[in-house]
Protein backbone atom coordinates (compact mmCIF):
# COMPACT_ATOMS: atom_id res chain seq x y z
CA MET A 1 141.91 41.07 -26.68
CA ALA A 2 144.36 38.16 -26.87
CA VAL A 3 147.81 39.17 -27.10
CA ARG A 4 150.79 36.87 -28.97
CA PHE A 5 154.54 37.61 -29.77
CA LEU A 6 156.78 35.72 -32.59
CA HIS A 7 160.82 36.13 -32.22
CA LEU A 8 162.51 35.38 -35.50
CA ALA A 9 166.00 35.51 -35.65
CA LEU A 10 167.56 36.03 -38.76
CA GLY A 11 171.22 34.08 -39.55
CA ALA A 12 157.76 61.53 -38.94
CA LEU A 13 152.32 67.94 -40.12
CA LEU A 14 154.68 68.04 -42.23
CA THR A 15 158.40 68.68 -43.30
CA LEU A 16 157.93 71.96 -44.99
CA ALA A 17 160.29 73.82 -47.18
CA ALA A 18 162.07 76.52 -44.84
CA PRO A 19 165.34 78.26 -44.48
CA GLU A 20 168.32 77.36 -42.96
CA PRO A 21 168.19 76.28 -39.27
CA ALA A 22 169.14 79.08 -37.42
CA PRO A 23 172.00 78.60 -35.10
CA ALA A 24 171.74 76.22 -32.04
CA ALA A 25 171.08 77.50 -28.40
CA ASP A 26 173.58 76.15 -26.22
CA ALA A 27 173.74 76.08 -22.33
CA GLN A 28 174.55 79.63 -21.74
CA SER A 29 171.31 80.77 -23.59
CA THR A 30 168.94 78.90 -21.90
CA ASN A 31 165.87 80.14 -19.50
CA ALA A 32 165.23 77.95 -16.35
CA SER A 33 162.07 79.44 -15.95
CA ARG A 34 160.78 77.77 -19.16
CA LEU A 35 161.60 74.05 -17.91
CA SER A 36 160.10 73.41 -14.41
CA GLY A 37 159.27 70.55 -12.16
CA THR A 38 162.97 68.81 -13.33
CA GLY A 39 163.15 66.89 -10.32
CA ALA A 40 160.80 64.31 -11.91
CA LEU A 41 162.86 64.03 -14.40
CA GLN A 42 165.54 62.38 -12.13
CA PRO A 43 164.94 58.53 -13.67
CA PHE A 44 165.83 60.17 -16.97
CA PHE A 45 168.59 62.21 -15.94
CA LEU A 46 170.05 58.61 -14.05
CA ALA A 47 169.04 56.90 -17.56
CA LEU A 48 171.42 59.60 -19.48
CA THR A 49 174.34 59.38 -17.14
CA ALA A 50 174.32 55.32 -17.55
CA LEU A 51 174.84 56.19 -21.43
CA ASP A 52 177.65 59.01 -20.19
CA ARG A 53 179.79 56.61 -18.20
CA HIS A 54 179.25 53.59 -20.55
CA ARG A 55 177.25 51.55 -18.35
CA ALA A 56 174.13 51.03 -20.38
CA THR A 57 173.25 47.86 -21.74
CA HIS A 58 170.17 48.81 -23.78
CA PRO A 59 168.87 52.25 -25.78
CA LEU A 60 167.28 54.81 -23.98
CA ARG A 61 163.78 55.34 -25.60
CA ILE A 62 162.31 58.84 -25.70
CA MET A 63 158.32 58.73 -26.88
CA GLN A 64 157.06 62.17 -28.13
CA ILE A 65 153.17 62.25 -28.14
CA GLY A 66 150.83 64.95 -29.33
CA ASP A 67 149.53 66.75 -32.23
CA SER A 68 150.63 68.31 -35.92
CA HIS A 69 153.40 69.77 -33.96
CA THR A 70 154.88 65.98 -33.22
CA ALA A 71 153.85 64.66 -36.73
CA ASN A 72 155.97 67.04 -38.14
CA ASP A 73 159.24 65.67 -37.39
CA SER A 74 161.36 68.75 -38.06
CA PHE A 75 160.77 69.36 -34.00
CA SER A 76 161.48 65.77 -32.84
CA GLY A 77 164.03 65.41 -35.22
CA ARG A 78 166.12 67.98 -33.93
CA LEU A 79 165.79 66.41 -30.38
CA ARG A 80 166.95 63.29 -31.60
CA GLU A 81 169.91 64.43 -33.48
CA ARG A 82 170.78 66.95 -30.90
CA LEU A 83 170.44 63.67 -27.72
CA GLN A 84 172.37 61.39 -30.12
CA ALA A 85 175.08 63.42 -30.81
CA ARG A 86 175.40 63.71 -27.24
CA PHE A 87 174.73 60.26 -26.03
CA GLY A 88 175.01 57.94 -28.90
CA ALA A 89 172.31 56.50 -31.38
CA ALA A 90 170.50 53.36 -31.34
CA GLY A 91 168.25 53.94 -34.52
CA ARG A 92 165.18 55.31 -35.53
CA GLY A 93 163.00 53.21 -33.23
CA TRP A 94 158.95 53.00 -33.77
CA LEU A 95 157.03 54.42 -36.40
CA PRO A 96 153.27 54.22 -37.82
CA ALA A 97 153.18 51.62 -41.08
CA GLY A 98 153.85 53.21 -44.23
CA ILE A 99 152.46 56.62 -45.05
CA PRO A 100 150.14 57.41 -42.25
CA PHE A 101 149.00 60.98 -44.04
CA LYS A 102 150.09 63.36 -47.25
CA TYR A 103 153.82 64.79 -47.12
CA TYR A 104 154.61 62.36 -44.24
CA ARG A 105 158.32 62.99 -44.03
CA PRO A 106 160.04 61.11 -41.07
CA ALA A 107 164.00 61.95 -40.09
CA LEU A 108 166.83 58.73 -41.01
CA VAL A 109 164.62 57.27 -43.00
CA THR A 110 162.18 57.11 -46.21
CA VAL A 111 159.23 55.45 -46.80
CA THR A 112 157.24 54.23 -49.68
CA GLU A 113 153.84 52.37 -50.61
CA THR A 114 151.42 51.42 -52.78
CA GLY A 115 148.11 49.85 -52.32
CA TRP A 116 147.50 50.51 -48.38
CA ARG A 117 144.59 52.59 -46.83
CA HIS A 118 145.25 53.80 -43.35
CA LEU A 119 142.47 53.68 -41.06
CA ARG A 120 141.68 56.16 -37.71
CA PRO A 121 139.40 56.42 -34.58
CA PRO A 122 137.14 58.45 -36.82
CA ASP A 123 136.87 55.79 -39.67
CA GLY A 124 134.69 53.45 -37.21
CA GLU A 125 137.06 50.83 -37.08
CA ALA A 126 136.25 49.45 -33.70
CA ALA A 127 137.50 45.87 -34.03
CA VAL A 128 140.90 47.47 -34.87
CA PRO A 129 142.81 47.58 -31.58
CA LEU A 130 144.75 50.88 -32.64
CA GLY A 131 148.17 51.57 -30.83
CA ILE A 132 149.96 54.82 -29.84
CA ASP A 133 149.75 55.68 -33.15
CA ALA A 134 146.44 55.85 -33.93
CA VAL A 135 146.66 54.41 -37.52
CA SER A 136 146.23 51.17 -38.76
CA ALA A 137 147.42 50.36 -42.47
CA GLU A 138 145.19 47.84 -44.32
CA ALA A 139 145.93 46.17 -47.86
CA SER A 140 143.60 47.49 -50.37
CA GLU A 141 144.74 46.05 -53.89
CA PRO A 142 146.47 42.80 -55.01
CA GLY A 143 150.64 43.28 -54.74
CA ALA A 144 149.95 45.97 -52.34
CA HIS A 145 153.71 47.13 -51.01
CA MET A 146 155.77 49.17 -48.23
CA GLU A 147 159.16 49.79 -48.14
CA LEU A 148 161.03 51.09 -45.51
CA THR A 149 165.42 52.45 -45.88
CA SER A 150 167.25 53.63 -43.16
CA THR A 151 169.57 56.34 -44.13
CA GLU A 152 171.73 56.41 -41.60
CA PRO A 153 174.91 54.49 -42.71
CA GLU A 154 175.06 52.15 -39.75
CA GLY A 155 171.52 50.97 -40.66
CA PHE A 156 169.76 48.81 -38.55
CA SER A 157 170.35 45.42 -36.80
CA ARG A 158 166.58 45.18 -35.42
CA PHE A 159 163.47 45.26 -37.54
CA ALA A 160 159.98 44.62 -35.76
CA ILE A 161 156.45 44.79 -37.25
CA GLU A 162 153.37 44.81 -35.10
CA ILE A 163 150.19 43.60 -36.83
CA VAL A 164 146.37 42.50 -35.66
CA THR A 165 145.75 39.30 -36.82
CA SER A 166 141.98 38.43 -37.57
CA PRO A 167 140.05 35.57 -39.09
CA HIS A 168 141.01 34.43 -42.97
CA GLY A 169 143.44 36.99 -42.73
CA ALA A 170 145.93 36.70 -45.99
CA PRO A 171 149.97 36.76 -45.16
CA LEU A 172 152.34 39.28 -45.79
CA SER A 173 155.82 38.72 -47.39
CA VAL A 174 158.62 40.78 -45.29
CA ARG A 175 162.52 40.78 -47.08
CA ILE A 176 165.44 42.08 -45.62
CA ASP A 177 168.08 43.92 -48.17
CA ASP A 178 168.23 41.49 -50.61
CA GLY A 179 167.55 38.25 -48.49
CA ASN A 180 164.67 35.92 -48.53
CA ALA A 181 161.48 36.47 -48.30
CA ARG A 182 159.72 35.37 -45.43
CA GLN A 183 155.94 34.54 -44.65
CA ILE A 184 153.76 35.70 -42.09
CA ALA A 185 150.49 34.62 -41.05
CA THR A 186 148.00 37.57 -40.30
CA ASP A 187 144.75 34.70 -39.73
CA ALA A 188 143.63 34.14 -36.31
CA HIS A 189 140.56 32.24 -34.22
CA GLN A 190 139.86 36.29 -33.02
CA THR A 191 141.56 39.46 -33.11
CA ALA A 192 144.63 39.29 -31.56
CA LEU A 193 147.71 41.74 -31.42
CA ARG A 194 150.99 40.22 -32.85
CA ARG A 195 154.60 41.55 -32.75
CA ILE A 196 157.13 40.06 -34.70
CA GLU A 197 160.97 40.90 -34.24
CA MET A 198 163.49 40.20 -36.23
CA LEU A 199 167.58 40.09 -35.09
CA LEU A 200 169.73 40.28 -37.84
CA PRO A 201 173.38 38.76 -38.15
CA HIS A 202 174.47 41.53 -40.01
CA PRO A 203 173.51 45.50 -40.32
CA ALA A 204 170.51 45.82 -42.81
CA HIS A 205 169.27 49.13 -44.52
CA ARG A 206 165.89 48.10 -46.39
CA VAL A 207 162.37 46.08 -45.56
CA GLU A 208 160.24 45.39 -47.87
CA ILE A 209 156.42 44.49 -47.30
CA THR A 210 154.04 42.91 -49.48
CA ALA A 211 150.46 41.83 -49.38
CA ALA A 212 149.96 39.18 -52.48
CA ALA A 213 146.01 39.90 -52.18
CA PRO A 214 144.14 42.27 -49.93
CA GLY A 215 142.44 40.19 -47.30
CA GLY A 216 142.41 42.09 -43.52
CA GLN A 217 145.72 42.57 -43.38
CA ARG A 218 145.96 44.96 -40.56
CA LEU A 219 149.86 46.77 -39.44
CA LEU A 220 150.05 49.15 -36.78
CA GLY A 221 153.81 50.23 -37.02
CA TRP A 222 157.23 48.71 -37.52
CA ALA A 223 160.49 49.64 -36.31
CA VAL A 224 164.18 49.85 -37.07
CA GLU A 225 166.87 49.81 -34.43
CA ARG A 226 170.31 49.03 -33.52
CA ARG A 227 171.21 46.76 -30.34
CA ARG A 228 173.00 48.68 -28.72
CA PRO A 229 173.24 51.82 -25.99
CA GLY A 230 172.40 55.24 -27.15
CA ILE A 231 169.24 57.13 -27.90
CA ILE A 232 165.64 56.23 -29.61
CA TYR A 233 163.73 59.22 -29.54
CA GLU A 234 160.11 58.23 -31.50
CA ASN A 235 157.74 61.12 -32.31
CA HIS A 236 154.03 59.57 -32.37
CA GLY A 237 151.59 62.39 -33.17
CA THR A 238 148.81 62.48 -35.12
CA ILE A 239 147.26 65.68 -37.02
CA GLY A 240 144.48 68.12 -35.28
CA ALA A 241 144.92 66.03 -32.96
CA THR A 242 143.60 66.40 -28.43
CA VAL A 243 144.65 64.62 -25.37
CA THR A 244 141.21 63.28 -26.15
CA LEU A 245 143.08 61.20 -28.97
CA LEU A 246 144.39 59.16 -26.10
CA THR A 247 141.04 57.82 -25.07
CA LYS A 248 140.08 56.39 -28.34
CA LEU A 249 143.03 54.22 -28.29
CA ASN A 250 143.04 50.28 -27.08
CA PRO A 251 144.21 50.03 -23.83
CA SER A 252 145.52 46.92 -24.11
CA THR A 253 147.48 47.45 -27.02
CA VAL A 254 148.97 50.96 -25.53
CA GLY A 255 149.74 48.76 -22.53
CA VAL A 256 151.67 46.26 -24.67
CA GLU A 257 153.44 48.85 -26.18
CA MET A 258 154.72 50.69 -23.63
CA SER A 259 155.81 47.38 -22.07
CA GLU A 260 157.72 46.53 -24.80
CA HIS A 261 158.88 49.87 -26.36
CA HIS A 262 160.18 50.37 -22.37
CA PRO A 263 160.64 54.55 -22.79
CA GLY A 264 162.58 56.27 -20.16
CA LEU A 265 160.63 59.49 -21.29
CA LEU A 266 157.41 60.29 -22.13
CA VAL A 267 156.99 63.74 -23.68
CA ILE A 268 153.45 64.45 -24.03
CA ALA A 269 152.57 67.66 -26.66
CA PHE A 270 148.79 68.50 -27.39
CA GLY A 271 147.23 71.87 -26.30
CA THR A 272 147.04 73.96 -29.93
CA ASN A 273 143.98 72.35 -31.03
CA GLU A 274 142.00 72.88 -27.37
CA GLY A 275 143.60 76.23 -27.07
CA PHE A 276 141.95 77.19 -30.74
CA ASP A 277 138.72 75.87 -29.16
CA ASP A 278 136.44 78.56 -27.80
CA SER A 279 134.17 76.40 -26.68
CA LEU A 280 136.06 74.43 -24.55
CA ASN A 281 135.34 73.57 -21.23
CA LEU A 282 138.29 74.49 -19.17
CA ALA A 283 137.30 72.56 -15.81
CA GLN A 284 136.42 69.68 -18.08
CA TYR A 285 139.60 69.69 -19.96
CA ALA A 286 141.79 69.58 -16.91
CA ALA A 287 140.11 66.71 -15.67
CA ARG A 288 140.45 64.90 -18.78
CA PHE A 289 144.31 65.51 -19.66
CA ARG A 290 145.25 64.44 -15.83
CA SER A 291 143.40 61.65 -15.82
CA THR A 292 144.25 60.62 -20.03
CA VAL A 293 147.90 61.44 -19.07
CA ALA A 294 148.12 59.63 -15.87
CA ALA A 295 146.45 56.53 -17.36
CA LEU A 296 149.55 56.52 -20.14
CA ARG A 297 151.92 56.83 -17.31
CA ARG A 298 150.75 53.98 -15.52
CA HIS A 299 151.44 51.89 -18.57
CA ALA A 300 155.20 53.19 -18.08
CA PRO A 301 155.79 53.20 -14.58
CA GLY A 302 159.60 53.73 -15.00
CA ALA A 303 159.75 56.79 -16.97
CA SER A 304 159.56 60.26 -16.57
CA VAL A 305 156.78 62.39 -17.88
CA LEU A 306 157.87 65.60 -19.67
CA VAL A 307 154.57 67.77 -20.44
CA ILE A 308 155.32 70.45 -23.63
CA GLY A 309 152.74 73.62 -23.67
CA SER A 310 151.81 74.41 -26.56
CA PRO A 311 153.80 77.20 -29.00
CA ASP A 312 152.36 80.64 -29.54
CA GLY A 313 149.50 80.98 -32.03
CA SER A 314 146.95 83.72 -33.20
CA ARG A 315 144.30 83.87 -35.64
CA LEU A 316 141.70 86.75 -37.39
CA SER A 317 138.33 86.90 -36.17
CA LYS A 318 135.69 86.09 -38.78
CA GLU A 319 134.79 89.64 -39.56
CA CYS A 320 138.17 90.26 -41.35
CA ALA A 321 139.67 86.91 -42.01
CA ALA A 322 138.71 87.36 -45.71
CA GLN A 323 141.39 90.87 -45.61
CA PRO A 324 144.53 91.15 -46.49
CA HIS A 325 146.59 90.07 -43.67
CA GLN A 326 150.14 91.27 -44.78
CA ASP A 327 150.03 94.56 -43.28
CA LEU A 328 147.81 93.77 -40.20
CA GLY A 329 149.57 93.78 -36.47
CA CYS A 330 148.77 91.59 -33.27
CA LYS A 331 147.53 92.18 -30.15
CA PRO A 332 147.80 89.35 -27.36
CA LYS A 333 144.16 90.17 -26.55
CA ALA A 334 142.05 91.70 -29.39
CA ALA A 335 139.06 93.86 -28.23
CA SER A 336 135.87 94.74 -28.93
CA GLY A 337 136.15 97.26 -31.93
CA ASP A 338 139.49 96.46 -32.51
CA ALA A 339 140.77 96.69 -36.36
CA CYS A 340 141.63 93.60 -37.64
CA VAL A 341 144.48 92.21 -35.82
CA TRP A 342 146.07 88.28 -35.07
CA SER A 343 145.35 88.04 -31.54
CA GLU A 344 145.90 84.86 -29.29
CA PRO A 345 142.76 82.59 -29.12
CA LEU A 346 140.87 82.71 -25.94
CA ASN A 347 141.96 79.56 -25.05
CA LEU A 348 145.27 78.77 -25.48
CA ALA A 349 146.99 80.50 -22.64
CA PRO A 350 144.49 78.74 -20.73
CA VAL A 351 145.11 75.46 -21.84
CA ARG A 352 149.11 76.08 -21.21
CA ASP A 353 148.51 77.05 -17.58
CA ILE A 354 146.18 74.04 -16.85
CA GLN A 355 148.69 71.93 -18.22
CA ARG A 356 151.32 73.66 -15.92
CA ARG A 357 149.78 73.22 -12.76
CA ILE A 358 148.49 69.37 -13.35
CA ALA A 359 152.14 68.59 -14.36
CA ALA A 360 153.43 70.54 -10.88
CA ARG A 361 150.70 68.81 -8.85
CA GLU A 362 151.18 65.04 -10.72
CA GLY A 363 155.02 65.39 -10.10
CA TRP A 364 155.71 66.15 -14.17
CA ALA A 365 157.91 68.07 -15.67
CA PHE A 366 157.20 70.78 -17.72
CA TRP A 367 158.38 73.12 -20.35
CA ASP A 368 156.53 76.40 -22.11
CA TRP A 369 157.35 76.18 -25.25
CA SER A 370 155.61 79.51 -26.54
CA ALA A 371 158.02 81.11 -23.78
CA ALA A 372 160.66 79.92 -25.60
CA MET A 373 159.16 81.86 -28.33
CA GLY A 374 158.95 85.01 -26.87
CA GLY A 375 155.25 85.00 -25.35
CA SER A 376 152.08 86.65 -27.19
CA CYS A 377 152.65 87.61 -30.51
CA ALA A 378 155.58 85.58 -31.14
CA MET A 379 154.10 84.03 -33.87
CA HIS A 380 153.28 86.84 -35.84
CA ARG A 381 156.99 88.04 -34.82
CA TRP A 382 158.83 85.15 -36.21
CA LEU A 383 156.54 85.14 -39.28
CA ALA A 384 157.95 88.60 -39.98
CA GLN A 385 161.32 87.80 -39.63
CA ASP A 386 163.53 87.47 -42.56
CA PRO A 387 163.66 84.86 -43.37
CA PRO A 388 160.39 83.54 -41.30
CA LEU A 389 160.44 80.99 -38.64
CA ALA A 390 156.63 80.25 -38.93
CA MET A 391 153.97 79.25 -41.49
CA PRO A 392 151.28 81.78 -42.64
CA ASP A 393 148.75 79.59 -40.93
CA HIS A 394 149.88 81.43 -37.52
CA VAL A 395 149.98 77.93 -35.72
CA HIS A 396 152.83 75.84 -37.09
CA LEU A 397 156.12 76.98 -37.30
CA ASN A 398 158.64 76.29 -40.54
CA LYS A 399 161.31 73.89 -40.47
CA ALA A 400 164.00 76.52 -39.51
CA GLY A 401 161.13 77.53 -36.46
CA TYR A 402 160.93 74.05 -34.98
CA THR A 403 164.81 73.58 -34.93
CA LEU A 404 165.55 76.67 -33.31
CA THR A 405 162.72 76.00 -30.49
CA ALA A 406 164.09 72.36 -29.91
CA ASP A 407 167.78 73.61 -29.63
CA ALA A 408 165.97 75.90 -26.52
CA LEU A 409 164.59 72.67 -25.04
CA PHE A 410 167.71 70.85 -25.51
CA GLY A 411 169.89 73.48 -23.91
CA ASP A 412 167.32 73.70 -20.96
CA LEU A 413 167.57 69.92 -20.66
CA MET A 414 170.93 69.47 -21.02
CA HIS A 415 171.28 72.62 -18.48
CA ALA A 416 169.04 70.85 -15.79
CA TYR A 417 170.81 68.10 -16.19
CA ASP A 418 174.15 69.35 -15.65
CA SER A 419 172.88 71.04 -12.62
CA TRP A 420 171.48 67.70 -11.43
CA LYS A 421 174.99 65.89 -11.71
CA THR A 422 176.44 68.50 -9.72
CA ALA A 423 174.15 68.29 -6.76
CA HIS A 424 173.60 64.86 -6.94
CA THR A 425 177.36 62.53 -6.46
CA VAL A 426 176.68 59.63 -8.47
CA ARG A 427 179.27 56.85 -7.51
CA ARG A 428 181.45 55.93 -10.60
């Protein structure tokens, strides 16, 4: 696959209804046992130190890659908010083009679209070299239109899009705020990844992309950022995904994206869907998790890696799934003959333990999301709280729950960072 770049200089499962966020965790309430392997975070901590001391010249990018907990921007959005408040904000960063799934609600921007369809690996589009978002947008009717508006008062000074060209591709029109539209060609002799970057002389807040006629235009993503030091925290999540998703992406596209994004921290957040699969071969899963994350890491050689073990979850047996749920209790492991209760899926804890062991062996940091919630049956307890912190499916948190656990991770990271600064004298 050919890769081309053009530089043009110009003269967020779902954000669900939830109660108010729980109080933020602070450094005094963190539990160091949740976060292990912090030595692996030294490159990330050095980059934070450069921001702290106003010596950085570029944004520090964090890329969270995972399943529906990542696709829902509540957890990542809260981490973005806390990190940007402490180290400075450099914009929203890269997102999948358009609206990749229903109820898509990314933080810091609003997105609308009409006339586009979205293609994923199961759709059999082998010719589309999918990148880290595992989805492409294709114009499906004349006048297909998508619009992204930054809700940040400072807007953005850099806009970029990533497209896949092909023979007979029809052009796209790109307009920034109320400026003149620019025509972007999408035709080429062969399928090729093309990145277009627009550096703006003044802050902007809105970008519109229009396809006059459907003709094979494929958009992988777009970005709004500010060209200055600060944090960019991106969430690249796919609903229903397992870590196997990474093997379905195009290695060349992922390599280009990682090289261009240059992340300082990769946050890997898979495990829920694997843990709910009773047929999962744990030995095969361990080998696949290690190899796929290691392959991703090789595309970003300077990045630290933080593996997040999946949050707690529970389910009912098929025999009692039709019964009313509100009066049912929870047991960490339901035994034969038990009355209908919520219980932890067979492989959820083993998957988390595999991730922890591999992270330790490979030199990656690990954070235990389930421990931050309180361990087995925490999901059931959180749902029973008034107001609740979890969703009735016993799989996902609500906005307040995601906020509370993101605050816990932020507190643990900052505690480790402050301890590292104390232990390592960095010349001022």
